[in-house]
Every structure is written in C-alpha cells, then in structure tokens.
Amino acid sequence: MNGFVKKIVLLLVMSTLLVGGSALAENRIGSVTITPMVGYHVFDGGLDLDNGLAYGLAMGYNMTPNWAIEGDVRYTPTESEGPGSIDVDLLTVSVGGLYHFNPAEVYNPYLSFGLGLAVYEVTGSDDEDVFGYYGAGVKYSLNKTTALRLDLRHLLDYRSDNGSSVHDDTKWRHHFQGMAGLTFQFDGK
C-alpha cells in the first residue's frame, strides 16, 4: 500500500475514533452533499490495462430522506500491460441515483445506479464510451454533517465504433471500482 493511501486510511480511522461516539445521522431533505473519494479501479481484462488507484469527487442532492441524485467525476491514471507500455488516463463523468435504506440511522446502506461517459486519453487522442453502472455502498455517520462512505460499482462500458478505440472487438466491457471517502452534508431540513 503506498504512502498516500495509508495516510487517507489513517485519517478516516482517526476521524471515526474522535467523533464516532457522538454520531447523529439523518439524510436531510434538500441538503447538498460533497464527497471526495479515493479507491481502486479494476479494468476489464480485454483492455490490457493495469489496475490502479482511482480518485473521485461526487456532488449530490437529497430529494427525500431515501432518494438522492448525484453527479461524480472519477480519474484513474494507468498504462497498458506488457512491453512498450503506453500511458492511459481514464476520466469518467456520471449522473445517477441513490436509494438509502436507513436514512435516519448511523449505519445507512444504499444502492446506486446511473449513466455516464468514459474518456480514455491515449497519447493525446481520446476514445469516448457510454457506460451504465449499478452499485452498493454504506454511509457511516460520524456526526450531523459528516459520514464515512464506502462505495462499490460495476461499470458496463459500451464501446463506441469511432475508429480510435483502445479496445478489442468486444462491444461490452466490465469494470469494477471500490472507493472510500467522506461525505459532507450541507443545509437541508
């Protein structure tokens, strides 16, 4: 585990220990959420790309205690496997929904789903693919405005036929992301 990830994990553990006892949870209607995240991206084997660290930022809006909409941006720097490796940067931008099962509890599991655009940048050229995703996660409230968040996603990447694809001939790609972060909730009722 590299030093950056160790520092993030240590920060999250210390935050939980310092304020975990006073946790009071609630998804507030009309609140805005911001979630910086770090995690790991597992690429579809057909892409011949190295799996690696991913970084993300999500912004959401709680429409009801159970339902929220969220947009996020995630970035994964990687390279092709084998001799003569090529640097590849993956940027995903998505919009989706979250359904929270226990919106007034400290431990709040959720399901997520949505659509997005994946941009693979390879040596100055871009390859754009549309993807859908579904996932699950949990938010653990540290206090009234902050929660620890763990998020797992399955991305279904549909290959576009624009002639500059880094993919092989298969139309569908399956990626997996595991992310951890802190969710900050502002305003709301």
N, C-alpha and C. Protein backbone atom coordinates (compact mmCIF):
# COMPACT_ATOMS: atom_id res chain seq x y z
N MET A 1 0.86 -1.18 0.00
CA MET A 1 0.00 0.00 0.00
C MET A 1 0.90 1.23 0.00
N ASN A 2 0.64 2.17 -0.92
CA ASN A 2 1.53 3.33 -0.98
C ASN A 2 1.24 4.31 0.15
N GLY A 3 2.12 5.26 0.36
CA GLY A 3 2.03 6.19 1.48
C GLY A 3 0.78 7.06 1.46
N PHE A 4 0.34 7.48 0.27
CA PHE A 4 -0.86 8.32 0.16
C PHE A 4 -2.09 7.59 0.67
N VAL A 5 -2.26 6.34 0.26
CA VAL A 5 -3.43 5.56 0.69
C VAL A 5 -3.37 5.32 2.19
N LYS A 6 -2.18 5.03 2.73
CA LYS A 6 -2.04 4.82 4.17
C LYS A 6 -2.47 6.07 4.94
N LYS A 7 -2.11 7.24 4.45
CA LYS A 7 -2.49 8.48 5.13
C LYS A 7 -4.00 8.69 5.10
N ILE A 8 -4.64 8.38 3.97
CA ILE A 8 -6.10 8.52 3.87
C ILE A 8 -6.78 7.57 4.85
N VAL A 9 -6.35 6.31 4.89
CA VAL A 9 -6.94 5.33 5.80
C VAL A 9 -6.75 5.77 7.25
N LEU A 10 -5.56 6.23 7.59
CA LEU A 10 -5.29 6.70 8.94
C LEU A 10 -6.19 7.89 9.30
N LEU A 11 -6.37 8.83 8.39
CA LEU A 11 -7.24 9.98 8.62
C LEU A 11 -8.68 9.53 8.86
N LEU A 12 -9.16 8.58 8.06
CA LEU A 12 -10.53 8.10 8.23
C LEU A 12 -10.72 7.37 9.56
N VAL A 13 -9.75 6.55 9.95
CA VAL A 13 -9.83 5.84 11.23
C VAL A 13 -9.81 6.82 12.40
N MET A 14 -8.91 7.80 12.36
CA MET A 14 -8.83 8.79 13.43
C MET A 14 -10.12 9.60 13.52
N SER A 15 -10.70 9.98 12.39
CA SER A 15 -11.97 10.72 12.40
C SER A 15 -13.06 9.91 13.06
N THR A 16 -13.11 8.62 12.76
CA THR A 16 -14.13 7.75 13.35
C THR A 16 -13.95 7.66 14.86
N LEU A 17 -12.71 7.51 15.32
CA LEU A 17 -12.45 7.40 16.76
C LEU A 17 -12.74 8.70 17.50
N LEU A 18 -12.43 9.83 16.88
CA LEU A 18 -12.61 11.11 17.56
C LEU A 18 -14.07 11.54 17.66
N VAL A 19 -14.85 11.30 16.63
CA VAL A 19 -16.23 11.80 16.65
C VAL A 19 -17.27 10.71 16.50
N GLY A 20 -16.86 9.45 16.43
CA GLY A 20 -17.80 8.36 16.22
C GLY A 20 -18.82 8.22 17.33
N GLY A 21 -18.46 8.49 18.57
CA GLY A 21 -19.39 8.33 19.68
C GLY A 21 -20.52 9.33 19.67
N SER A 22 -20.36 10.47 19.04
CA SER A 22 -21.40 11.49 19.02
C SER A 22 -22.17 11.51 17.71
N ALA A 23 -22.11 10.42 16.97
CA ALA A 23 -22.75 10.39 15.65
C ALA A 23 -24.26 10.53 15.75
N LEU A 24 -24.81 11.40 14.95
CA LEU A 24 -26.25 11.56 14.82
C LEU A 24 -26.53 11.64 13.34
N ALA A 25 -27.21 10.65 12.83
CA ALA A 25 -27.38 10.53 11.38
C ALA A 25 -28.73 11.04 10.94
N GLU A 26 -28.77 11.51 9.71
CA GLU A 26 -30.03 11.85 9.08
C GLU A 26 -29.74 12.40 7.69
N ASN A 27 -30.39 11.81 6.68
CA ASN A 27 -30.35 12.40 5.34
C ASN A 27 -31.37 13.52 5.35
N ARG A 28 -30.92 14.75 5.27
CA ARG A 28 -31.83 15.89 5.33
C ARG A 28 -32.35 16.23 3.95
N ILE A 29 -33.66 16.39 3.85
CA ILE A 29 -34.30 16.76 2.59
C ILE A 29 -33.78 18.13 2.15
N GLY A 30 -33.40 18.23 0.88
CA GLY A 30 -32.90 19.49 0.34
C GLY A 30 -31.45 19.77 0.63
N SER A 31 -30.75 18.83 1.26
CA SER A 31 -29.33 19.07 1.54
C SER A 31 -28.47 18.72 0.34
N VAL A 32 -27.32 19.38 0.28
CA VAL A 32 -26.32 19.14 -0.76
C VAL A 32 -25.19 18.36 -0.13
N THR A 33 -24.67 17.36 -0.85
CA THR A 33 -23.55 16.57 -0.34
C THR A 33 -22.35 16.70 -1.27
N ILE A 34 -21.17 16.69 -0.66
CA ILE A 34 -19.92 16.68 -1.41
C ILE A 34 -19.07 15.55 -0.84
N THR A 35 -18.54 14.69 -1.73
CA THR A 35 -17.79 13.52 -1.29
C THR A 35 -16.49 13.38 -2.07
N PRO A 36 -15.35 13.74 -1.47
CA PRO A 36 -14.06 13.39 -2.07
C PRO A 36 -13.77 11.91 -1.77
N MET A 37 -13.21 11.19 -2.77
CA MET A 37 -13.00 9.75 -2.62
C MET A 37 -11.65 9.33 -3.20
N VAL A 38 -11.19 8.20 -2.71
CA VAL A 38 -10.02 7.54 -3.28
C VAL A 38 -10.33 6.04 -3.25
N GLY A 39 -9.81 5.30 -4.23
CA GLY A 39 -10.11 3.88 -4.26
C GLY A 39 -9.28 3.15 -5.29
N TYR A 40 -9.87 2.07 -5.82
CA TYR A 40 -9.16 1.18 -6.72
C TYR A 40 -10.06 0.84 -7.90
N HIS A 41 -9.49 0.86 -9.10
CA HIS A 41 -10.23 0.56 -10.33
C HIS A 41 -9.68 -0.73 -10.94
N VAL A 42 -10.57 -1.70 -11.19
CA VAL A 42 -10.20 -2.95 -11.84
C VAL A 42 -10.74 -2.89 -13.26
N PHE A 43 -9.83 -2.89 -14.24
CA PHE A 43 -10.21 -2.79 -15.64
C PHE A 43 -10.60 -4.15 -16.20
N ASP A 44 -11.47 -4.14 -17.19
CA ASP A 44 -11.82 -5.35 -17.93
C ASP A 44 -10.54 -5.93 -18.52
N GLY A 45 -10.38 -7.26 -18.42
CA GLY A 45 -9.16 -7.92 -18.90
C GLY A 45 -8.89 -7.74 -20.38
N GLY A 46 -9.93 -7.50 -21.19
CA GLY A 46 -9.75 -7.32 -22.61
C GLY A 46 -9.07 -6.03 -22.99
N LEU A 47 -8.94 -5.11 -22.05
CA LEU A 47 -8.30 -3.82 -22.34
C LEU A 47 -6.80 -3.85 -22.17
N ASP A 48 -6.27 -4.85 -21.50
CA ASP A 48 -4.83 -4.94 -21.22
C ASP A 48 -4.29 -3.68 -20.55
N LEU A 49 -5.05 -3.18 -19.56
CA LEU A 49 -4.62 -2.03 -18.77
C LEU A 49 -4.36 -2.46 -17.34
N ASP A 50 -3.35 -1.83 -16.71
CA ASP A 50 -3.04 -2.12 -15.32
C ASP A 50 -4.13 -1.56 -14.41
N ASN A 51 -4.56 -2.36 -13.44
CA ASN A 51 -5.49 -1.87 -12.42
C ASN A 51 -4.74 -0.88 -11.54
N GLY A 52 -5.48 0.07 -10.95
CA GLY A 52 -4.76 1.03 -10.13
C GLY A 52 -5.65 1.97 -9.34
N LEU A 53 -5.01 2.90 -8.67
CA LEU A 53 -5.69 3.86 -7.83
C LEU A 53 -6.62 4.74 -8.65
N ALA A 54 -7.75 5.10 -8.05
CA ALA A 54 -8.73 5.99 -8.66
C ALA A 54 -9.03 7.11 -7.67
N TYR A 55 -9.32 8.28 -8.20
CA TYR A 55 -9.63 9.45 -7.38
C TYR A 55 -10.96 10.00 -7.86
N GLY A 56 -11.78 10.48 -6.94
CA GLY A 56 -13.09 10.96 -7.36
C GLY A 56 -13.63 12.08 -6.50
N LEU A 57 -14.64 12.75 -7.04
CA LEU A 57 -15.37 13.79 -6.34
C LEU A 57 -16.82 13.69 -6.78
N ALA A 58 -17.72 13.58 -5.79
CA ALA A 58 -19.15 13.48 -6.08
C ALA A 58 -19.88 14.65 -5.43
N MET A 59 -20.96 15.08 -6.10
CA MET A 59 -21.82 16.13 -5.55
C MET A 59 -23.26 15.65 -5.70
N GLY A 60 -24.02 15.69 -4.60
CA GLY A 60 -25.37 15.16 -4.62
C GLY A 60 -26.39 16.10 -4.02
N TYR A 61 -27.65 15.69 -4.17
CA TYR A 61 -28.78 16.45 -3.62
C TYR A 61 -29.80 15.45 -3.08
N ASN A 62 -30.16 15.58 -1.80
CA ASN A 62 -31.14 14.69 -1.18
C ASN A 62 -32.55 15.21 -1.45
N MET A 63 -33.26 14.51 -2.36
CA MET A 63 -34.63 14.91 -2.71
C MET A 63 -35.61 14.51 -1.62
N THR A 64 -35.42 13.34 -1.03
CA THR A 64 -36.22 12.84 0.09
C THR A 64 -35.23 12.20 1.06
N PRO A 65 -35.68 11.72 2.22
CA PRO A 65 -34.73 11.02 3.08
C PRO A 65 -34.12 9.78 2.41
N ASN A 66 -34.88 9.09 1.55
CA ASN A 66 -34.39 7.88 0.92
C ASN A 66 -33.71 8.11 -0.43
N TRP A 67 -34.19 9.06 -1.22
CA TRP A 67 -33.71 9.24 -2.59
C TRP A 67 -32.80 10.46 -2.75
N ALA A 68 -31.72 10.25 -3.48
CA ALA A 68 -30.78 11.33 -3.80
C ALA A 68 -30.34 11.20 -5.24
N ILE A 69 -29.99 12.33 -5.85
CA ILE A 69 -29.34 12.32 -7.16
C ILE A 69 -27.89 12.75 -6.93
N GLU A 70 -27.00 12.24 -7.79
CA GLU A 70 -25.60 12.54 -7.58
C GLU A 70 -24.86 12.54 -8.91
N GLY A 71 -23.97 13.48 -9.06
CA GLY A 71 -23.06 13.52 -10.19
C GLY A 71 -21.66 13.32 -9.67
N ASP A 72 -20.83 12.63 -10.44
CA ASP A 72 -19.45 12.47 -9.98
C ASP A 72 -18.47 12.41 -11.13
N VAL A 73 -17.23 12.70 -10.78
CA VAL A 73 -16.10 12.64 -11.70
C VAL A 73 -15.07 11.74 -11.03
N ARG A 74 -14.56 10.76 -11.79
CA ARG A 74 -13.53 9.85 -11.27
C ARG A 74 -12.39 9.77 -12.27
N TYR A 75 -11.17 9.73 -11.74
CA TYR A 75 -9.96 9.74 -12.58
C TYR A 75 -9.07 8.56 -12.20
N THR A 76 -8.62 7.80 -13.20
CA THR A 76 -7.72 6.68 -12.97
C THR A 76 -6.55 6.77 -13.96
N PRO A 77 -5.34 7.07 -13.49
CA PRO A 77 -4.17 7.01 -14.37
C PRO A 77 -3.69 5.56 -14.44
N THR A 78 -3.38 5.08 -15.62
CA THR A 78 -2.93 3.69 -15.79
C THR A 78 -2.00 3.61 -16.99
N GLU A 79 -1.61 2.41 -17.34
CA GLU A 79 -0.81 2.18 -18.54
C GLU A 79 -1.12 0.79 -19.07
N SER A 80 -0.81 0.60 -20.34
CA SER A 80 -1.04 -0.71 -20.95
C SER A 80 -0.04 -1.71 -20.40
N GLU A 81 -0.46 -2.97 -20.36
CA GLU A 81 0.41 -4.03 -19.85
C GLU A 81 1.38 -4.49 -20.94
N GLY A 82 2.47 -5.10 -20.54
CA GLY A 82 3.40 -5.68 -21.49
C GLY A 82 4.48 -4.72 -21.92
N PRO A 83 5.33 -5.19 -22.86
CA PRO A 83 6.44 -4.34 -23.33
C PRO A 83 5.93 -3.15 -24.13
N GLY A 84 6.65 -2.07 -24.06
CA GLY A 84 6.25 -0.86 -24.78
C GLY A 84 4.97 -0.27 -24.25
N SER A 85 4.84 -0.22 -22.93
CA SER A 85 3.59 0.25 -22.33
C SER A 85 3.30 1.70 -22.71
N ILE A 86 2.02 2.01 -22.78
CA ILE A 86 1.54 3.33 -23.15
C ILE A 86 0.73 3.89 -21.99
N ASP A 87 0.95 5.16 -21.65
CA ASP A 87 0.17 5.79 -20.60
C ASP A 87 -1.26 6.02 -21.08
N VAL A 88 -2.21 5.70 -20.20
CA VAL A 88 -3.63 5.89 -20.48
C VAL A 88 -4.25 6.55 -19.26
N ASP A 89 -5.03 7.60 -19.47
CA ASP A 89 -5.78 8.24 -18.40
C ASP A 89 -7.26 7.99 -18.65
N LEU A 90 -7.97 7.49 -17.63
CA LEU A 90 -9.41 7.28 -17.74
C LEU A 90 -10.12 8.31 -16.88
N LEU A 91 -11.03 9.04 -17.50
CA LEU A 91 -11.87 10.00 -16.79
C LEU A 91 -13.32 9.57 -17.00
N THR A 92 -14.05 9.38 -15.90
CA THR A 92 -15.47 9.06 -16.01
C THR A 92 -16.28 10.18 -15.39
N VAL A 93 -17.36 10.55 -16.08
CA VAL A 93 -18.30 11.56 -15.59
C VAL A 93 -19.67 10.88 -15.63
N SER A 94 -20.39 10.89 -14.50
CA SER A 94 -21.67 10.20 -14.45
C SER A 94 -22.70 10.95 -13.62
N VAL A 95 -23.96 10.60 -13.86
CA VAL A 95 -25.10 11.12 -13.10
C VAL A 95 -25.97 9.92 -12.75
N GLY A 96 -26.42 9.88 -11.51
CA GLY A 96 -27.23 8.74 -11.11
C GLY A 96 -28.04 9.00 -9.86
N GLY A 97 -28.66 7.93 -9.41
CA GLY A 97 -29.50 7.99 -8.22
C GLY A 97 -28.97 7.09 -7.12
N LEU A 98 -29.33 7.44 -5.90
CA LEU A 98 -29.01 6.61 -4.74
C LEU A 98 -30.31 6.37 -3.96
N TYR A 99 -30.50 5.13 -3.53
CA TYR A 99 -31.62 4.82 -2.64
C TYR A 99 -31.04 4.38 -1.31
N HIS A 100 -31.32 5.15 -0.24
CA HIS A 100 -30.81 4.86 1.10
C HIS A 100 -31.84 4.04 1.86
N PHE A 101 -31.40 2.96 2.50
CA PHE A 101 -32.31 2.07 3.23
C PHE A 101 -32.61 2.54 4.66
N ASN A 102 -31.65 3.16 5.33
CA ASN A 102 -31.82 3.62 6.72
C ASN A 102 -31.43 5.09 6.84
N PRO A 103 -32.20 6.01 6.23
CA PRO A 103 -31.76 7.40 6.16
C PRO A 103 -31.65 8.13 7.50
N ALA A 104 -32.22 7.58 8.56
CA ALA A 104 -32.14 8.24 9.86
C ALA A 104 -31.25 7.48 10.84
N GLU A 105 -30.47 6.54 10.34
CA GLU A 105 -29.62 5.72 11.20
C GLU A 105 -28.14 6.03 10.97
N VAL A 106 -27.33 5.66 11.93
CA VAL A 106 -25.88 5.87 11.82
C VAL A 106 -25.31 5.03 10.69
N TYR A 107 -25.77 3.78 10.57
CA TYR A 107 -25.33 2.85 9.53
C TYR A 107 -26.38 2.86 8.43
N ASN A 108 -26.05 3.39 7.24
CA ASN A 108 -27.04 3.63 6.19
C ASN A 108 -26.58 3.02 4.85
N PRO A 109 -26.98 1.74 4.58
CA PRO A 109 -26.63 1.15 3.29
C PRO A 109 -27.46 1.76 2.16
N TYR A 110 -26.92 1.70 0.94
CA TYR A 110 -27.63 2.27 -0.21
C TYR A 110 -27.33 1.48 -1.47
N LEU A 111 -28.20 1.64 -2.47
CA LEU A 111 -27.98 1.14 -3.82
C LEU A 111 -27.81 2.34 -4.73
N SER A 112 -27.01 2.19 -5.79
CA SER A 112 -26.80 3.30 -6.73
C SER A 112 -26.92 2.78 -8.16
N PHE A 113 -27.24 3.68 -9.07
CA PHE A 113 -27.37 3.35 -10.49
C PHE A 113 -27.25 4.63 -11.29
N GLY A 114 -26.82 4.54 -12.55
CA GLY A 114 -26.72 5.74 -13.35
C GLY A 114 -26.08 5.50 -14.71
N LEU A 115 -25.84 6.61 -15.40
CA LEU A 115 -25.24 6.62 -16.74
C LEU A 115 -24.08 7.60 -16.76
N GLY A 116 -23.15 7.37 -17.69
CA GLY A 116 -22.04 8.30 -17.77
C GLY A 116 -21.26 8.17 -19.06
N LEU A 117 -20.17 8.92 -19.10
CA LEU A 117 -19.27 8.94 -20.24
C LEU A 117 -17.87 8.62 -19.73
N ALA A 118 -17.21 7.65 -20.39
CA ALA A 118 -15.83 7.29 -20.06
C ALA A 118 -14.93 7.83 -21.17
N VAL A 119 -13.91 8.58 -20.80
CA VAL A 119 -12.97 9.14 -21.76
C VAL A 119 -11.60 8.53 -21.49
N TYR A 120 -11.10 7.77 -22.46
CA TYR A 120 -9.77 7.17 -22.39
C TYR A 120 -8.84 8.08 -23.19
N GLU A 121 -7.87 8.68 -22.52
CA GLU A 121 -6.90 9.53 -23.21
C GLU A 121 -5.62 8.73 -23.41
N VAL A 122 -5.27 8.52 -24.67
CA VAL A 122 -4.09 7.73 -25.02
C VAL A 122 -3.20 8.58 -25.92
N THR A 123 -2.05 8.98 -25.42
CA THR A 123 -1.06 9.74 -26.18
C THR A 123 -1.70 10.86 -27.01
N GLY A 124 -2.46 11.71 -26.33
CA GLY A 124 -3.04 12.87 -26.99
C GLY A 124 -4.34 12.66 -27.72
N SER A 125 -4.80 11.43 -27.91
CA SER A 125 -6.09 11.20 -28.57
C SER A 125 -7.08 10.65 -27.54
N ASP A 126 -8.35 10.89 -27.78
CA ASP A 126 -9.40 10.45 -26.86
C ASP A 126 -10.27 9.39 -27.49
N ASP A 127 -10.75 8.46 -26.66
CA ASP A 127 -11.73 7.46 -27.05
C ASP A 127 -12.85 7.57 -26.03
N GLU A 128 -14.05 7.88 -26.47
CA GLU A 128 -15.17 8.09 -25.56
C GLU A 128 -16.17 6.95 -25.68
N ASP A 129 -16.59 6.42 -24.54
CA ASP A 129 -17.57 5.35 -24.47
C ASP A 129 -18.67 5.74 -23.49
N VAL A 130 -19.89 5.32 -23.80
CA VAL A 130 -21.01 5.50 -22.88
C VAL A 130 -21.03 4.30 -21.94
N PHE A 131 -21.35 4.52 -20.67
CA PHE A 131 -21.45 3.40 -19.74
C PHE A 131 -22.65 3.58 -18.81
N GLY A 132 -23.10 2.47 -18.30
CA GLY A 132 -24.09 2.45 -17.23
C GLY A 132 -23.43 1.83 -16.02
N TYR A 133 -23.99 2.07 -14.85
CA TYR A 133 -23.42 1.44 -13.66
C TYR A 133 -24.52 1.13 -12.66
N TYR A 134 -24.21 0.17 -11.81
CA TYR A 134 -25.02 -0.10 -10.63
C TYR A 134 -24.05 -0.42 -9.51
N GLY A 135 -24.49 -0.23 -8.30
CA GLY A 135 -23.59 -0.48 -7.20
C GLY A 135 -24.29 -0.48 -5.87
N ALA A 136 -23.50 -0.59 -4.84
CA ALA A 136 -23.99 -0.60 -3.47
C ALA A 136 -22.92 0.02 -2.59
N GLY A 137 -23.35 0.47 -1.44
CA GLY A 137 -22.40 1.05 -0.51
C GLY A 137 -23.03 1.27 0.84
N VAL A 138 -22.28 1.92 1.67
CA VAL A 138 -22.77 2.23 3.01
C VAL A 138 -22.17 3.57 3.44
N LYS A 139 -22.98 4.32 4.17
CA LYS A 139 -22.52 5.55 4.81
C LYS A 139 -22.60 5.33 6.32
N TYR A 140 -21.53 5.67 7.00
CA TYR A 140 -21.48 5.56 8.46
C TYR A 140 -21.31 6.96 9.02
N SER A 141 -22.34 7.47 9.68
CA SER A 141 -22.32 8.85 10.17
C SER A 141 -21.32 9.03 11.30
N LEU A 142 -20.50 10.06 11.15
CA LEU A 142 -19.54 10.43 12.18
C LEU A 142 -20.10 11.53 13.07
N ASN A 143 -20.94 12.39 12.48
CA ASN A 143 -21.64 13.45 13.21
C ASN A 143 -22.79 13.93 12.34
N LYS A 144 -23.40 15.06 12.65
CA LYS A 144 -24.57 15.54 11.90
C LYS A 144 -24.28 15.88 10.45
N THR A 145 -23.05 16.22 10.13
CA THR A 145 -22.74 16.68 8.78
C THR A 145 -21.74 15.83 8.01
N THR A 146 -21.14 14.83 8.66
CA THR A 146 -20.07 14.06 8.02
C THR A 146 -20.31 12.56 8.16
N ALA A 147 -20.06 11.84 7.07
CA ALA A 147 -20.19 10.38 7.10
C ALA A 147 -19.03 9.74 6.35
N LEU A 148 -18.57 8.63 6.85
CA LEU A 148 -17.61 7.80 6.15
C LEU A 148 -18.40 7.03 5.09
N ARG A 149 -17.88 6.97 3.86
CA ARG A 149 -18.61 6.32 2.77
C ARG A 149 -17.73 5.27 2.10
N LEU A 150 -18.29 4.08 1.92
CA LEU A 150 -17.67 3.01 1.17
C LEU A 150 -18.58 2.69 0.00
N ASP A 151 -18.03 2.59 -1.22
CA ASP A 151 -18.83 2.50 -2.43
C ASP A 151 -18.23 1.46 -3.38
N LEU A 152 -19.06 0.54 -3.88
CA LEU A 152 -18.64 -0.43 -4.88
C LEU A 152 -19.50 -0.26 -6.11
N ARG A 153 -18.87 -0.30 -7.29
CA ARG A 153 -19.59 -0.11 -8.56
C ARG A 153 -19.17 -1.12 -9.61
N HIS A 154 -20.13 -1.52 -10.41
CA HIS A 154 -19.88 -2.31 -11.61
C HIS A 154 -20.23 -1.41 -12.79
N LEU A 155 -19.23 -1.07 -13.59
CA LEU A 155 -19.44 -0.23 -14.78
C LEU A 155 -19.58 -1.11 -16.00
N LEU A 156 -20.64 -0.88 -16.77
CA LEU A 156 -20.87 -1.59 -18.03
C LEU A 156 -20.58 -0.59 -19.14
N ASP A 157 -19.38 -0.69 -19.69
CA ASP A 157 -18.85 0.25 -20.67
C ASP A 157 -19.18 -0.25 -22.06
N TYR A 158 -19.95 0.53 -22.82
CA TYR A 158 -20.29 0.16 -24.19
C TYR A 158 -19.32 0.82 -25.14
N ARG A 159 -18.64 0.01 -25.91
CA ARG A 159 -17.62 0.52 -26.83
C ARG A 159 -18.26 1.23 -28.01
N SER A 160 -17.83 2.45 -28.25
CA SER A 160 -18.28 3.16 -29.45
C SER A 160 -17.41 2.76 -30.62
N ASP A 161 -17.91 2.84 -31.83
CA ASP A 161 -17.16 2.47 -33.02
C ASP A 161 -16.68 3.72 -33.74
N ASN A 162 -15.74 4.42 -33.12
CA ASN A 162 -15.27 5.66 -33.74
C ASN A 162 -13.90 5.51 -34.40
N GLY A 163 -13.41 4.29 -34.50
CA GLY A 163 -12.16 4.06 -35.21
C GLY A 163 -10.90 4.30 -34.41
N SER A 164 -11.00 4.91 -33.22
CA SER A 164 -9.80 5.17 -32.44
C SER A 164 -9.83 4.44 -31.11
N SER A 165 -10.60 3.37 -31.03
CA SER A 165 -10.79 2.66 -29.78
C SER A 165 -9.52 1.95 -29.34
N VAL A 166 -9.29 1.95 -28.02
CA VAL A 166 -8.18 1.19 -27.46
C VAL A 166 -8.62 -0.23 -27.13
N HIS A 167 -9.89 -0.55 -27.39
CA HIS A 167 -10.44 -1.86 -27.06
C HIS A 167 -10.22 -2.85 -28.19
N ASP A 168 -10.53 -4.13 -27.90
CA ASP A 168 -10.56 -5.11 -28.98
C ASP A 168 -11.97 -5.12 -29.56
N ASP A 169 -12.39 -6.21 -30.20
CA ASP A 169 -13.66 -6.23 -30.93
C ASP A 169 -14.90 -6.46 -30.07
N THR A 170 -14.78 -6.73 -28.80
CA THR A 170 -15.93 -6.98 -27.95
C THR A 170 -16.63 -5.66 -27.64
N LYS A 171 -17.97 -5.63 -27.72
CA LYS A 171 -18.72 -4.39 -27.51
C LYS A 171 -18.80 -3.97 -26.05
N TRP A 172 -18.96 -4.92 -25.12
CA TRP A 172 -19.16 -4.58 -23.71
C TRP A 172 -17.91 -4.84 -22.88
N ARG A 173 -17.63 -3.91 -21.98
CA ARG A 173 -16.53 -4.03 -21.03
C ARG A 173 -17.10 -3.94 -19.62
N HIS A 174 -16.50 -4.70 -18.71
CA HIS A 174 -16.94 -4.73 -17.31
C HIS A 174 -15.80 -4.25 -16.43
N HIS A 175 -16.00 -3.10 -15.79
CA HIS A 175 -15.02 -2.54 -14.86
C HIS A 175 -15.62 -2.58 -13.46
N PHE A 176 -14.74 -2.57 -12.46
CA PHE A 176 -15.19 -2.53 -11.07
C PHE A 176 -14.41 -1.44 -10.35
N GLN A 177 -15.11 -0.70 -9.49
CA GLN A 177 -14.47 0.33 -8.68
C GLN A 177 -14.89 0.16 -7.22
N GLY A 178 -13.92 0.26 -6.35
CA GLY A 178 -14.16 0.32 -4.91
C GLY A 178 -13.59 1.63 -4.42
N MET A 179 -14.42 2.45 -3.78
CA MET A 179 -13.99 3.78 -3.35
C MET A 179 -14.32 3.99 -1.87
N ALA A 180 -13.54 4.82 -1.21
CA ALA A 180 -13.80 5.24 0.16
C ALA A 180 -13.65 6.74 0.24
N GLY A 181 -14.45 7.37 1.06
CA GLY A 181 -14.35 8.82 1.19
C GLY A 181 -15.16 9.34 2.34
N LEU A 182 -15.22 10.64 2.44
CA LEU A 182 -16.02 11.32 3.45
C LEU A 182 -17.10 12.13 2.75
N THR A 183 -18.34 11.95 3.19
CA THR A 183 -19.46 12.71 2.67
C THR A 183 -19.78 13.86 3.62
N PHE A 184 -19.80 15.07 3.08
CA PHE A 184 -20.15 16.27 3.86
C PHE A 184 -21.52 16.73 3.41
N GLN A 185 -22.44 16.95 4.36
CA GLN A 185 -23.82 17.33 4.06
C GLN A 185 -24.06 18.76 4.52
N PHE A 186 -24.62 19.57 3.60
CA PHE A 186 -24.84 20.99 3.89
C PHE A 186 -26.32 21.34 3.77
N ASP A 187 -26.81 22.17 4.68
CA ASP A 187 -28.17 22.71 4.66
C ASP A 187 -29.22 21.60 4.76
N GLY A 188 -30.40 21.86 4.21
CA GLY A 188 -31.50 20.89 4.23
C GLY A 188 -32.34 20.99 5.49
N LYS A 189 -33.48 20.27 5.43
CA LYS A 189 -34.42 20.27 6.56
C LYS A 189 -34.18 19.08 7.47
